[in-house]
Amino acid sequence: MIDLKQEGKIGLGTAPLGNMFRDVSEEEAEAVIKAAWEHGIRYFDTAPFYGAGLAELRLGKVLSQHNRDDYVLATKVGRVIEEETEEKEGLFAYGRKNKVVDDYTAEGTLRAIEQSLERLQTDRLDYVNVHDISPDFQGDEWLAKFEEARNGAFQELARLKEKGVIEGWGIGVNRTEPIELALGMENVKLDLSLQATRYTLLDHDHALQRLMPEAEKQGVSIVVGAPYGSGVIAGGKHYEYQEAPSEVTSHVKRLTEISDRHQVSLISAALQFSAAHPAVAAVIPGTTRPERIKENIDAMHADIPDAFWQELRDKELVSPKAPLPGNN
């Protein structure tokens, strides 16, 4: 398993700092990154896709002021940012206007890394994930994109690891299938992978069937992104980066009623649940609010009574197979 050397298993996800959903000012973004540093966070996850390089630029501006040996930096490949501009829509409609091109080839991987290094103002990356080779982004073409990555990005990243250029590599996706597929391949050896949205209080049954036990068996570390379901657990309106449907908000309401009864913060429960699995190296909630950084760290260390977890078990709101804080 990867040791991220981060007390409390918490890092910073930077998708919101790429202007996800709204226009985030430079001052706001800088304040979030500085707050993370000041409160001891040393694991930072980013990607070219987040605002067409915007999150990387903002992260590099702050982190370049610190000793490179003092933090762990992860980014992703699979997207190349062009100088050409285009009209934006979707998650990063408020990001930079630069055109984003999918490219999972070996050449595209090297080009993406070169661009990321420049934006991040650093001479090296620690971990690199192959980004979004999954059905939610690639639709029916996801297996073809996966194959392109297997023959290109996978081999290039394995070569860079062997040469000592990077510490490790993996896959960064919202769905579990691509990581499961890679775990079943004899000629692919992942070091870690970012799994967003599929190991949370709201959704974890499928991941527990194969992904988590197989990752643990093979010594592959899992980084949990979007531990709040992309916001809805923390009081937001989004689930899996879209407006939360009624069945999800109803689920959150049930969780909230139980957490209120036990005087437990649902944020604490969500973070600690995702972090409790032995395969998980870190959880990386993102935010655009600097005060939320301390709240997240405090939530990771808050006391949660065993009775709370037991009630979730009894009401079948968490899987009986899920490891829980306190070994419930």
C-alpha atoms as a PDB file:
ATOM      1  CA  MET A   1       0.000   0.000   0.000  1.00  0.00           C
ATOM      2  CA  ILE A   2       1.085   3.561  -0.660  1.00  0.00           C
ATOM      3  CA  ASP A   3       2.029   5.511   2.453  1.00  0.00           C
ATOM      4  CA  LEU A   4       1.072   9.098   1.734  1.00  0.00           C
ATOM      5  CA  LYS A   5       2.544  10.168   5.088  1.00  0.00           C
ATOM      6  CA  GLN A   6      -0.510  12.295   5.731  1.00  0.00           C
ATOM      7  CA  GLU A   7      -1.753  12.241   9.295  1.00  0.00           C
ATOM      8  CA  GLY A   8      -5.469  11.625   9.340  1.00  0.00           C
ATOM      9  CA  LYS A   9      -5.617  10.292   5.772  1.00  0.00           C
ATOM     10  CA  ILE A  10      -6.876  13.602   4.402  1.00  0.00           C
ATOM     11  CA  GLY A  11      -5.724  15.566   1.383  1.00  0.00           C
ATOM     12  CA  LEU A  12      -7.110  18.305  -0.845  1.00  0.00           C
ATOM     13  CA  GLY A  13      -9.015  17.653  -4.048  1.00  0.00           C
ATOM     14  CA  THR A  14      -8.832  20.622  -6.392  1.00  0.00           C
ATOM     15  CA  ALA A  15     -11.637  20.106  -8.915  1.00  0.00           C
ATOM     16  CA  PRO A  16     -13.670  22.973  -7.356  1.00  0.00           C
ATOM     17  CA  LEU A  17     -10.661  25.263  -7.813  1.00  0.00           C
ATOM     18  CA  GLY A  18     -10.936  24.713 -11.561  1.00  0.00           C
ATOM     19  CA  ASN A  19     -14.204  26.697 -11.411  1.00  0.00           C
ATOM     20  CA  MET A  20     -16.428  23.654 -11.212  1.00  0.00           C
ATOM     21  CA  PHE A  21     -20.064  24.811 -11.204  1.00  0.00           C
ATOM     22  CA  ARG A  22     -19.180  28.504 -10.639  1.00  0.00           C
ATOM     23  CA  ASP A  23     -16.637  31.260 -11.163  1.00  0.00           C
ATOM     24  CA  VAL A  24     -14.196  31.075  -8.246  1.00  0.00           C
ATOM     25  CA  SER A  25     -11.969  34.129  -7.842  1.00  0.00           C
ATOM     26  CA  GLU A  26      -8.185  33.893  -7.697  1.00  0.00           C
ATOM     27  CA  GLU A  27      -8.339  35.212  -4.135  1.00  0.00           C
ATOM     28  CA  GLU A  28     -10.780  32.493  -3.041  1.00  0.00           C
ATOM     29  CA  ALA A  29      -8.749  29.714  -4.645  1.00  0.00           C
ATOM     30  CA  GLU A  30      -5.486  30.942  -3.169  1.00  0.00           C
ATOM     31  CA  ALA A  31      -7.058  31.220   0.288  1.00  0.00           C
ATOM     32  CA  VAL A  32      -8.235  27.578   0.129  1.00  0.00           C
ATOM     33  CA  ILE A  33      -4.804  26.236  -0.825  1.00  0.00           C
ATOM     34  CA  LYS A  34      -3.067  28.361   1.794  1.00  0.00           C
ATOM     35  CA  ALA A  35      -5.550  27.220   4.453  1.00  0.00           C
ATOM     36  CA  ALA A  36      -4.871  23.599   3.512  1.00  0.00           C
ATOM     37  CA  TRP A  37      -1.150  24.139   3.911  1.00  0.00           C
ATOM     38  CA  GLU A  38      -1.489  26.033   7.176  1.00  0.00           C
ATOM     39  CA  HIS A  39      -3.596  23.214   8.634  1.00  0.00           C
ATOM     40  CA  GLY A  40      -1.065  20.559   7.737  1.00  0.00           C
ATOM     41  CA  ILE A  41      -2.444  19.072   4.533  1.00  0.00           C
ATOM     42  CA  ARG A  42       0.413  17.848   2.359  1.00  0.00           C
ATOM     43  CA  TYR A  43      -1.323  15.677  -0.225  1.00  0.00           C
ATOM     44  CA  PHE A  44      -2.745  17.561  -3.206  1.00  0.00           C
ATOM     45  CA  ASP A  45      -4.670  16.018  -6.096  1.00  0.00           C
ATOM     46  CA  THR A  46      -5.342  17.845  -9.345  1.00  0.00           C
ATOM     47  CA  ALA A  47      -5.831  17.331 -13.093  1.00  0.00           C
ATOM     48  CA  PRO A  48      -5.548  19.211 -16.403  1.00  0.00           C
ATOM     49  CA  PHE A  49      -9.291  18.638 -16.894  1.00  0.00           C
ATOM     50  CA  TYR A  50     -10.154  20.828 -13.910  1.00  0.00           C
ATOM     51  CA  GLY A  51     -10.889  24.088 -15.665  1.00  0.00           C
ATOM     52  CA  ALA A  52      -8.591  23.354 -18.637  1.00  0.00           C
ATOM     53  CA  GLY A  53      -5.504  23.659 -16.443  1.00  0.00           C
ATOM     54  CA  LEU A  54      -6.877  26.323 -14.110  1.00  0.00           C
ATOM     55  CA  ALA A  55      -6.691  24.208 -10.933  1.00  0.00           C
ATOM     56  CA  GLU A  56      -3.093  23.243 -11.705  1.00  0.00           C
ATOM     57  CA  LEU A  57      -2.126  26.859 -12.305  1.00  0.00           C
ATOM     58  CA  ARG A  58      -3.648  27.938  -9.006  1.00  0.00           C
ATOM     59  CA  LEU A  59      -2.093  25.056  -7.103  1.00  0.00           C
ATOM     60  CA  GLY A  60       1.330  25.668  -8.611  1.00  0.00           C
ATOM     61  CA  LYS A  61       1.236  29.348  -7.709  1.00  0.00           C
ATOM     62  CA  VAL A  62       0.943  28.522  -3.992  1.00  0.00           C
ATOM     63  CA  LEU A  63       2.875  25.274  -3.695  1.00  0.00           C
ATOM     64  CA  SER A  64       5.876  26.626  -5.591  1.00  0.00           C
ATOM     65  CA  GLN A  65       6.537  28.813  -2.547  1.00  0.00           C
ATOM     66  CA  HIS A  66       7.258  25.695  -0.469  1.00  0.00           C
ATOM     67  CA  ASN A  67       9.984  23.062  -0.428  1.00  0.00           C
ATOM     68  CA  ARG A  68       9.078  20.421  -3.009  1.00  0.00           C
ATOM     69  CA  ASP A  69      10.094  17.628  -0.635  1.00  0.00           C
ATOM     70  CA  ASP A  70       7.457  18.747   1.863  1.00  0.00           C
ATOM     71  CA  TYR A  71       4.340  17.759  -0.072  1.00  0.00           C
ATOM     72  CA  VAL A  72       2.919  14.967  -2.232  1.00  0.00           C
ATOM     73  CA  LEU A  73       1.556  15.953  -5.631  1.00  0.00           C
ATOM     74  CA  ALA A  74      -0.764  13.907  -7.836  1.00  0.00           C
ATOM     75  CA  THR A  75      -2.175  14.842 -11.215  1.00  0.00           C
ATOM     76  CA  LYS A  76      -3.652  13.032 -14.195  1.00  0.00           C
ATOM     77  CA  VAL A  77      -3.105  12.310 -17.867  1.00  0.00           C
ATOM     78  CA  GLY A  78      -5.488  11.661 -20.732  1.00  0.00           C
ATOM     79  CA  ARG A  79      -6.260  15.275 -21.571  1.00  0.00           C
ATOM     80  CA  VAL A  80      -4.009  17.682 -23.469  1.00  0.00           C
ATOM     81  CA  ILE A  81      -4.712  21.413 -23.249  1.00  0.00           C
ATOM     82  CA  GLU A  82      -4.490  23.335 -26.521  1.00  0.00           C
ATOM     83  CA  GLU A  83      -3.920  27.040 -27.129  1.00  0.00           C
ATOM     84  CA  GLU A  84      -7.035  27.062 -29.294  1.00  0.00           C
ATOM     85  CA  THR A  85     -10.153  28.188 -27.426  1.00  0.00           C
ATOM     86  CA  GLU A  86     -13.745  26.986 -27.503  1.00  0.00           C
ATOM     87  CA  GLU A  87     -17.095  27.666 -25.857  1.00  0.00           C
ATOM     88  CA  LYS A  88     -17.488  25.713 -22.634  1.00  0.00           C
ATOM     89  CA  GLU A  89     -20.400  23.893 -21.046  1.00  0.00           C
ATOM     90  CA  GLY A  90     -20.892  21.271 -18.364  1.00  0.00           C
ATOM     91  CA  LEU A  91     -18.878  20.907 -15.162  1.00  0.00           C
ATOM     92  CA  PHE A  92     -16.212  23.445 -16.061  1.00  0.00           C
ATOM     93  CA  ALA A  93     -18.199  25.968 -18.066  1.00  0.00           C
ATOM     94  CA  TYR A  94     -16.530  28.674 -15.950  1.00  0.00           C
ATOM     95  CA  GLY A  95     -12.995  27.361 -16.471  1.00  0.00           C
ATOM     96  CA  ARG A  96     -10.393  28.537 -18.961  1.00  0.00           C
ATOM     97  CA  LYS A  97     -11.560  28.579 -22.576  1.00  0.00           C
ATOM     98  CA  ASN A  98      -8.651  26.490 -23.860  1.00  0.00           C
ATOM     99  CA  LYS A  99      -9.668  23.437 -25.868  1.00  0.00           C
ATOM    100  CA  VAL A 100      -9.297  20.130 -24.006  1.00  0.00           C
ATOM    101  CA  VAL A 101      -8.433  17.108 -26.156  1.00  0.00           C
ATOM    102  CA  ASP A 102      -8.638  13.470 -25.048  1.00  0.00           C
ATOM    103  CA  ASP A 103      -5.325  11.688 -25.687  1.00  0.00           C
ATOM    104  CA  TYR A 104      -4.411   8.438 -23.939  1.00  0.00           C
ATOM    105  CA  THR A 105      -1.467   7.571 -26.182  1.00  0.00           C
ATOM    106  CA  ALA A 106       2.128   7.409 -24.965  1.00  0.00           C
ATOM    107  CA  GLU A 107       2.907  10.641 -26.793  1.00  0.00           C
ATOM    108  CA  GLY A 108      -0.146  12.370 -25.368  1.00  0.00           C
ATOM    109  CA  THR A 109       0.799  11.169 -21.893  1.00  0.00           C
ATOM    110  CA  LEU A 110       4.245  12.731 -22.104  1.00  0.00           C
ATOM    111  CA  ARG A 111       2.817  15.945 -23.514  1.00  0.00           C
ATOM    112  CA  ALA A 112       0.216  16.127 -20.730  1.00  0.00           C
ATOM    113  CA  ILE A 113       2.905  15.602 -18.087  1.00  0.00           C
ATOM    114  CA  GLU A 114       5.102  18.322 -19.593  1.00  0.00           C
ATOM    115  CA  GLN A 115       2.181  20.749 -19.575  1.00  0.00           C
ATOM    116  CA  SER A 116       1.253  19.864 -15.991  1.00  0.00           C
ATOM    117  CA  LEU A 117       4.811  20.354 -14.760  1.00  0.00           C
ATOM    118  CA  GLU A 118       4.836  23.823 -16.280  1.00  0.00           C
ATOM    119  CA  ARG A 119       1.477  24.804 -14.805  1.00  0.00           C
ATOM    120  CA  LEU A 120       2.369  23.353 -11.401  1.00  0.00           C
ATOM    121  CA  GLN A 121       5.759  25.091 -11.425  1.00  0.00           C
ATOM    122  CA  THR A 122       7.582  21.940 -10.376  1.00  0.00           C
ATOM    123  CA  ASP A 123      10.165  19.555 -11.782  1.00  0.00           C
ATOM    124  CA  ARG A 124       8.473  16.329 -10.725  1.00  0.00           C
ATOM    125  CA  LEU A 125       5.191  14.589  -9.991  1.00  0.00           C
ATOM    126  CA  ASP A 126       4.699  11.963  -7.318  1.00  0.00           C
ATOM    127  CA  TYR A 127       1.635  10.117  -8.588  1.00  0.00           C
ATOM    128  CA  VAL A 128      -0.128  10.163 -11.948  1.00  0.00           C
ATOM    129  CA  ASN A 129      -3.588   8.764 -12.687  1.00  0.00           C
ATOM    130  CA  VAL A 130      -5.065   7.999 -16.100  1.00  0.00           C
ATOM    131  CA  HIS A 131      -8.215  10.107 -16.077  1.00  0.00           C
ATOM    132  CA  ASP A 132     -11.812   9.245 -16.964  1.00  0.00           C
ATOM    133  CA  ILE A 133     -11.441   6.109 -19.076  1.00  0.00           C
ATOM    134  CA  SER A 134     -14.916   5.184 -17.892  1.00  0.00           C
ATOM    135  CA  PRO A 135     -18.531   4.928 -19.106  1.00  0.00           C
ATOM    136  CA  ASP A 136     -19.686   8.170 -17.510  1.00  0.00           C
ATOM    137  CA  PHE A 137     -17.306  10.235 -19.647  1.00  0.00           C
ATOM    138  CA  GLN A 138     -16.660   8.023 -22.671  1.00  0.00           C
ATOM    139  CA  GLY A 139     -20.032   6.314 -23.076  1.00  0.00           C
ATOM    140  CA  ASP A 140     -20.003   3.278 -25.368  1.00  0.00           C
ATOM    141  CA  GLU A 141     -16.441   4.145 -26.390  1.00  0.00           C
ATOM    142  CA  TRP A 142     -14.996   3.635 -22.921  1.00  0.00           C
ATOM    143  CA  LEU A 143     -13.500   0.217 -23.629  1.00  0.00           C
ATOM    144  CA  ALA A 144     -11.812   1.571 -26.759  1.00  0.00           C
ATOM    145  CA  LYS A 145     -10.413   4.458 -24.721  1.00  0.00           C
ATOM    146  CA  PHE A 146      -9.303   2.018 -22.035  1.00  0.00           C
ATOM    147  CA  GLU A 147      -7.473  -0.026 -24.683  1.00  0.00           C
ATOM    148  CA  GLU A 148      -5.819   3.109 -26.052  1.00  0.00           C
ATOM    149  CA  ALA A 149      -4.634   3.901 -22.536  1.00  0.00           C
ATOM    150  CA  ARG A 150      -3.492   0.318 -21.899  1.00  0.00           C
ATOM    151  CA  ASN A 151      -1.280   0.437 -24.968  1.00  0.00           C
ATOM    152  CA  GLY A 152      -0.182   4.022 -24.396  1.00  0.00           C
ATOM    153  CA  ALA A 153      -0.522   5.771 -21.055  1.00  0.00           C
ATOM    154  CA  PHE A 154      -0.225   2.621 -18.923  1.00  0.00           C
ATOM    155  CA  GLN A 155       3.036   1.577 -20.527  1.00  0.00           C
ATOM    156  CA  GLU A 156       4.483   5.079 -20.460  1.00  0.00           C
ATOM    157  CA  LEU A 157       3.651   5.600 -16.795  1.00  0.00           C
ATOM    158  CA  ALA A 158       5.057   2.170 -15.893  1.00  0.00           C
ATOM    159  CA  ARG A 159       8.257   3.141 -17.695  1.00  0.00           C
ATOM    160  CA  LEU A 160       8.455   6.460 -15.842  1.00  0.00           C
ATOM    161  CA  LYS A 161       7.989   4.665 -12.539  1.00  0.00           C
ATOM    162  CA  GLU A 162      10.685   2.132 -13.379  1.00  0.00           C
ATOM    163  CA  LYS A 163      13.084   5.003 -14.156  1.00  0.00           C
ATOM    164  CA  GLY A 164      12.211   6.670 -10.846  1.00  0.00           C
ATOM    165  CA  VAL A 165      10.644   9.713 -12.504  1.00  0.00           C
ATOM    166  CA  ILE A 166       7.348   9.164 -10.635  1.00  0.00           C
ATOM    167  CA  GLU A 167       6.570   7.276  -7.429  1.00  0.00           C
ATOM    168  CA  GLY A 168       3.562   5.467  -8.810  1.00  0.00           C
ATOM    169  CA  TRP A 169       0.564   5.516 -11.106  1.00  0.00           C
ATOM    170  CA  GLY A 170      -3.005   4.335 -11.439  1.00  0.00           C
ATOM    171  CA  ILE A 171      -6.439   5.197 -12.767  1.00  0.00           C
ATOM    172  CA  GLY A 172      -8.614   8.141 -11.732  1.00  0.00           C
ATOM    173  CA  VAL A 173     -12.328   7.568 -12.378  1.00  0.00           C
ATOM    174  CA  ASN A 174     -15.804   8.038 -10.937  1.00  0.00           C
ATOM    175  CA  ARG A 175     -16.862   4.474 -11.742  1.00  0.00           C
ATOM    176  CA  THR A 176     -15.327   1.259 -10.447  1.00  0.00           C
ATOM    177  CA  GLU A 177     -15.252  -0.777 -13.680  1.00  0.00           C
ATOM    178  CA  PRO A 178     -12.013   0.573 -15.209  1.00  0.00           C
ATOM    179  CA  ILE A 179     -10.016  -0.042 -12.040  1.00  0.00           C
ATOM    180  CA  GLU A 180     -11.537  -3.504 -11.667  1.00  0.00           C
ATOM    181  CA  LEU A 181     -10.619  -4.300 -15.268  1.00  0.00           C
ATOM    182  CA  ALA A 182      -7.031  -3.197 -14.744  1.00  0.00           C
ATOM    183  CA  LEU A 183      -6.753  -5.168 -11.502  1.00  0.00           C
ATOM    184  CA  GLY A 184      -7.622  -8.294 -13.456  1.00  0.00           C
ATOM    185  CA  MET A 185      -4.791  -7.856 -15.979  1.00  0.00           C
ATOM    186  CA  GLU A 186      -1.557  -9.754 -15.420  1.00  0.00           C
ATOM    187  CA  ASN A 187       0.603  -7.215 -17.268  1.00  0.00           C
ATOM    188  CA  VAL A 188      -0.771  -4.156 -15.410  1.00  0.00           C
ATOM    189  CA  LYS A 189       0.469  -3.255 -11.928  1.00  0.00           C
ATOM    190  CA  LEU A 190      -1.286  -0.302 -10.376  1.00  0.00           C
ATOM    191  CA  ASP A 191       0.185   1.464  -7.358  1.00  0.00           C
ATOM    192  CA  LEU A 192      -2.835   3.520  -6.414  1.00  0.00           C
ATOM    193  CA  SER A 193      -6.057   4.699  -7.991  1.00  0.00           C
ATOM    194  CA  LEU A 194      -8.459   7.556  -7.407  1.00  0.00           C
ATOM    195  CA  GLN A 195     -12.028   6.338  -7.021  1.00  0.00           C
ATOM    196  CA  ALA A 196     -14.523   9.174  -6.829  1.00  0.00           C
ATOM    197  CA  THR A 197     -18.190   8.903  -5.816  1.00  0.00           C
ATOM    198  CA  ARG A 198     -18.311   5.102  -5.422  1.00  0.00           C
ATOM    199  CA  TYR A 199     -17.015   4.618  -1.882  1.00  0.00           C
ATOM    200  CA  THR A 200     -19.163   6.916   0.203  1.00  0.00           C
ATOM    201  CA  LEU A 201     -21.911   6.611   2.791  1.00  0.00           C
ATOM    202  CA  LEU A 202     -24.377   6.925  -0.076  1.00  0.00           C
ATOM    203  CA  ASP A 203     -22.867   4.394  -2.475  1.00  0.00           C
ATOM    204  CA  HIS A 204     -20.442   1.623  -1.538  1.00  0.00           C
ATOM    205  CA  ASP A 205     -22.084  -1.762  -2.049  1.00  0.00           C
ATOM    206  CA  HIS A 206     -20.687  -2.336  -5.540  1.00  0.00           C
ATOM    207  CA  ALA A 207     -17.167  -1.237  -4.611  1.00  0.00           C
ATOM    208  CA  LEU A 208     -17.161  -3.675  -1.697  1.00  0.00           C
ATOM    209  CA  GLN A 209     -17.996  -6.619  -3.952  1.00  0.00           C
ATOM    210  CA  ARG A 210     -14.761  -6.565  -5.928  1.00  0.00           C
ATOM    211  CA  LEU A 211     -12.854  -3.303  -6.104  1.00  0.00           C
ATOM    212  CA  MET A 212     -11.903  -2.839  -2.476  1.00  0.00           C
ATOM    213  CA  PRO A 213     -11.051  -6.464  -1.625  1.00  0.00           C
ATOM    214  CA  GLU A 214      -9.058  -6.910  -4.834  1.00  0.00           C
ATOM    215  CA  ALA A 215      -7.191  -3.641  -4.290  1.00  0.00           C
ATOM    216  CA  GLU A 216      -6.356  -4.716  -0.752  1.00  0.00           C
ATOM    217  CA  LYS A 217      -5.254  -8.158  -1.960  1.00  0.00           C
ATOM    218  CA  GLN A 218      -2.937  -6.666  -4.591  1.00  0.00           C
ATOM    219  CA  GLY A 219      -1.618  -3.885  -2.368  1.00  0.00           C
ATOM    220  CA  VAL A 220      -3.147  -1.145  -4.504  1.00  0.00           C
ATOM    221  CA  SER A 221      -3.984   1.999  -2.558  1.00  0.00           C
ATOM    222  CA  ILE A 222      -7.316   3.712  -3.121  1.00  0.00           C
ATOM    223  CA  VAL A 223      -7.733   7.471  -2.819  1.00  0.00           C
ATOM    224  CA  VAL A 224     -11.378   8.373  -2.258  1.00  0.00           C
ATOM    225  CA  GLY A 225     -12.512  11.462  -4.105  1.00  0.00           C
ATOM    226  CA  ALA A 226     -15.868  13.190  -3.553  1.00  0.00           C
ATOM    227  CA  PRO A 227     -16.477  11.625  -0.108  1.00  0.00           C
ATOM    228  CA  TYR A 228     -19.535  13.905   0.176  1.00  0.00           C
ATOM    229  CA  GLY A 229     -21.009  12.503  -3.028  1.00  0.00           C
ATOM    230  CA  SER A 230     -19.819  15.685  -4.792  1.00  0.00           C
ATOM    231  CA  GLY A 231     -21.609  17.846  -2.243  1.00  0.00           C
ATOM    232  CA  VAL A 232     -25.013  16.532  -1.209  1.00  0.00           C
ATOM    233  CA  ILE A 233     -23.805  14.991   2.078  1.00  0.00           C
ATOM    234  CA  ALA A 234     -22.286  18.328   3.075  1.00  0.00           C
ATOM    235  CA  GLY A 235     -25.460  20.289   2.416  1.00  0.00           C
ATOM    236  CA  GLY A 236     -24.906  20.909  -1.287  1.00  0.00           C
ATOM    237  CA  LYS A 237     -27.252  20.270  -4.195  1.00  0.00           C
ATOM    238  CA  HIS A 238     -25.059  17.994  -6.319  1.00  0.00           C
ATOM    239  CA  TYR A 239     -24.627  14.232  -6.394  1.00  0.00           C
ATOM    240  CA  GLU A 240     -22.126  12.686  -8.784  1.00  0.00           C
ATOM    241  CA  TYR A 241     -21.597  16.194 -10.204  1.00  0.00           C
ATOM    242  CA  GLN A 242     -25.239  16.648 -11.209  1.00  0.00           C
ATOM    243  CA  GLU A 243     -28.336  17.895  -9.412  1.00  0.00           C
ATOM    244  CA  ALA A 244     -29.147  15.338  -6.741  1.00  0.00           C
ATOM    245  CA  PRO A 245     -32.262  13.250  -7.553  1.00  0.00           C
ATOM    246  CA  SER A 246     -35.043  12.882  -4.997  1.00  0.00           C
ATOM    247  CA  GLU A 247     -34.056   9.357  -3.954  1.00  0.00           C
ATOM    248  CA  VAL A 248     -30.592  10.606  -3.025  1.00  0.00           C
ATOM    249  CA  THR A 249     -31.858  13.588  -1.056  1.00  0.00           C
ATOM    250  CA  SER A 250     -34.254  11.236   0.737  1.00  0.00           C
ATOM    251  CA  HIS A 251     -31.335   8.967   1.606  1.00  0.00           C
ATOM    252  CA  VAL A 252     -29.384  11.930   2.940  1.00  0.00           C
ATOM    253  CA  LYS A 253     -32.408  12.967   4.999  1.00  0.00           C
ATOM    254  CA  ARG A 254     -32.507   9.536   6.662  1.00  0.00           C
ATOM    255  CA  LEU A 255     -28.783   9.715   7.412  1.00  0.00           C
ATOM    256  CA  THR A 256     -29.205  13.231   8.785  1.00  0.00           C
ATOM    257  CA  GLU A 257     -32.038  12.210  11.102  1.00  0.00           C
ATOM    258  CA  ILE A 258     -29.883   9.467  12.600  1.00  0.00           C
ATOM    259  CA  SER A 259     -26.784  11.653  12.870  1.00  0.00           C
ATOM    260  CA  ASP A 260     -28.801  14.398  14.571  1.00  0.00           C
ATOM    261  CA  ARG A 261     -30.212  11.920  17.045  1.00  0.00           C
ATOM    262  CA  HIS A 262     -26.707  10.775  17.980  1.00  0.00           C
ATOM    263  CA  GLN A 263     -25.305  14.328  17.828  1.00  0.00           C
ATOM    264  CA  VAL A 264     -22.911  13.313  15.077  1.00  0.00           C
ATOM    265  CA  SER A 265     -21.838  15.528  12.190  1.00  0.00           C
ATOM    266  CA  LEU A 266     -22.754  13.851   8.916  1.00  0.00           C
ATOM    267  CA  ILE A 267     -19.548  15.293   7.457  1.00  0.00           C
ATOM    268  CA  SER A 268     -17.560  13.458  10.145  1.00  0.00           C
ATOM    269  CA  ALA A 269     -19.402  10.237   9.442  1.00  0.00           C
ATOM    270  CA  ALA A 270     -18.851  10.525   5.688  1.00  0.00           C
ATOM    271  CA  LEU A 271     -15.123  11.201   5.939  1.00  0.00           C
ATOM    272  CA  GLN A 272     -14.469   8.600   8.588  1.00  0.00           C
ATOM    273  CA  PHE A 273     -16.528   5.964   6.771  1.00  0.00           C
ATOM    274  CA  SER A 274     -14.550   6.380   3.537  1.00  0.00           C
ATOM    275  CA  ALA A 275     -11.221   6.451   5.383  1.00  0.00           C
ATOM    276  CA  ALA A 276     -11.957   3.350   7.471  1.00  0.00           C
ATOM    277  CA  HIS A 277     -11.345   0.804   4.728  1.00  0.00           C
ATOM    278  CA  PRO A 278      -7.786  -0.599   4.947  1.00  0.00           C
ATOM    279  CA  ALA A 279      -7.295  -0.153   1.193  1.00  0.00           C
ATOM    280  CA  VAL A 280      -7.871   3.609   1.465  1.00  0.00           C
ATOM    281  CA  ALA A 281      -4.743   5.749   1.592  1.00  0.00           C
ATOM    282  CA  ALA A 282      -6.515   9.117   1.731  1.00  0.00           C
ATOM    283  CA  VAL A 283      -9.786  10.956   1.257  1.00  0.00           C
ATOM    284  CA  ILE A 284      -9.598  14.206  -0.672  1.00  0.00           C
ATOM    285  CA  PRO A 285     -12.619  16.462  -0.210  1.00  0.00           C
ATOM    286  CA  GLY A 286     -12.553  19.608  -2.287  1.00  0.00           C
ATOM    287  CA  THR A 287     -13.885  23.023  -1.397  1.00  0.00           C
ATOM    288  CA  THR A 288     -13.926  26.678  -2.400  1.00  0.00           C
ATOM    289  CA  ARG A 289     -14.290  27.813   1.210  1.00  0.00           C
ATOM    290  CA  PRO A 290     -11.070  28.142   3.231  1.00  0.00           C
ATOM    291  CA  GLU A 291     -12.916  27.695   6.545  1.00  0.00           C
ATOM    292  CA  ARG A 292     -14.068  24.259   5.388  1.00  0.00           C
ATOM    293  CA  ILE A 293     -10.460  22.986   5.525  1.00  0.00           C
ATOM    294  CA  LYS A 294     -10.313  23.049   9.322  1.00  0.00           C
ATOM    295  CA  GLU A 295     -13.856  21.712   9.500  1.00  0.00           C
ATOM    296  CA  ASN A 296     -12.824  18.707   7.400  1.00  0.00           C
ATOM    297  CA  ILE A 297      -9.736  18.019   9.489  1.00  0.00           C
ATOM    298  CA  ASP A 298     -11.680  18.309  12.733  1.00  0.00           C
ATOM    299  CA  ALA A 299     -14.348  16.029  11.280  1.00  0.00           C
ATOM    300  CA  MET A 300     -11.772  13.323  10.596  1.00  0.00           C
ATOM    301  CA  HIS A 301     -10.867  13.257  14.290  1.00  0.00           C
ATOM    302  CA  ALA A 302     -14.311  13.754  15.847  1.00  0.00           C
ATOM    303  CA  ASP A 303     -15.603  11.084  18.228  1.00  0.00           C
ATOM    304  CA  ILE A 304     -18.492   9.082  16.797  1.00  0.00           C
ATOM    305  CA  PRO A 305     -20.351   6.729  19.163  1.00  0.00           C
ATOM    306  CA  ASP A 306     -20.569   3.062  18.259  1.00  0.00           C
ATOM    307  CA  ALA A 307     -24.348   3.310  18.628  1.00  0.00           C
ATOM    308  CA  PHE A 308     -24.488   5.583  15.563  1.00  0.00           C
ATOM    309  CA  TRP A 309     -22.747   3.051  13.345  1.00  0.00           C
ATOM    310  CA  GLN A 310     -24.817   0.233  14.807  1.00  0.00           C
ATOM    311  CA  GLU A 311     -28.046   2.024  13.917  1.00  0.00           C
ATOM    312  CA  LEU A 312     -26.811   2.517  10.355  1.00  0.00           C
ATOM    313  CA  ARG A 313     -26.114  -1.223  10.246  1.00  0.00           C
ATOM    314  CA  ASP A 314     -29.489  -2.106  11.723  1.00  0.00           C
ATOM    315  CA  LYS A 315     -31.346   0.085   9.221  1.00  0.00           C
ATOM    316  CA  GLU A 316     -29.260  -1.256   6.331  1.00  0.00           C
ATOM    317  CA  LEU A 317     -27.865   2.169   5.481  1.00  0.00           C
ATOM    318  CA  VAL A 318     -24.327   0.782   5.417  1.00  0.00           C
ATOM    319  CA  SER A 319     -23.259  -2.594   4.105  1.00  0.00           C
ATOM    320  CA  PRO A 320     -22.478  -5.331   6.645  1.00  0.00           C
ATOM    321  CA  LYS A 321     -19.257  -5.857   4.668  1.00  0.00           C
ATOM    322  CA  ALA A 322     -18.038  -2.275   5.122  1.00  0.00           C
ATOM    323  CA  PRO A 323     -15.226  -1.707   7.640  1.00  0.00           C
ATOM    324  CA  LEU A 324     -16.306   1.007  10.042  1.00  0.00           C
ATOM    325  CA  PRO A 325     -14.415   3.344  12.377  1.00  0.00           C
ATOM    326  CA  GLY A 326     -13.917   1.662  15.729  1.00  0.00           C
ATOM    327  CA  ASN A 327     -14.107  -1.818  14.140  1.00  0.00           C
ATOM    328  CA  ASN A 328     -17.923  -1.931  14.254  1.00  0.00           C
END
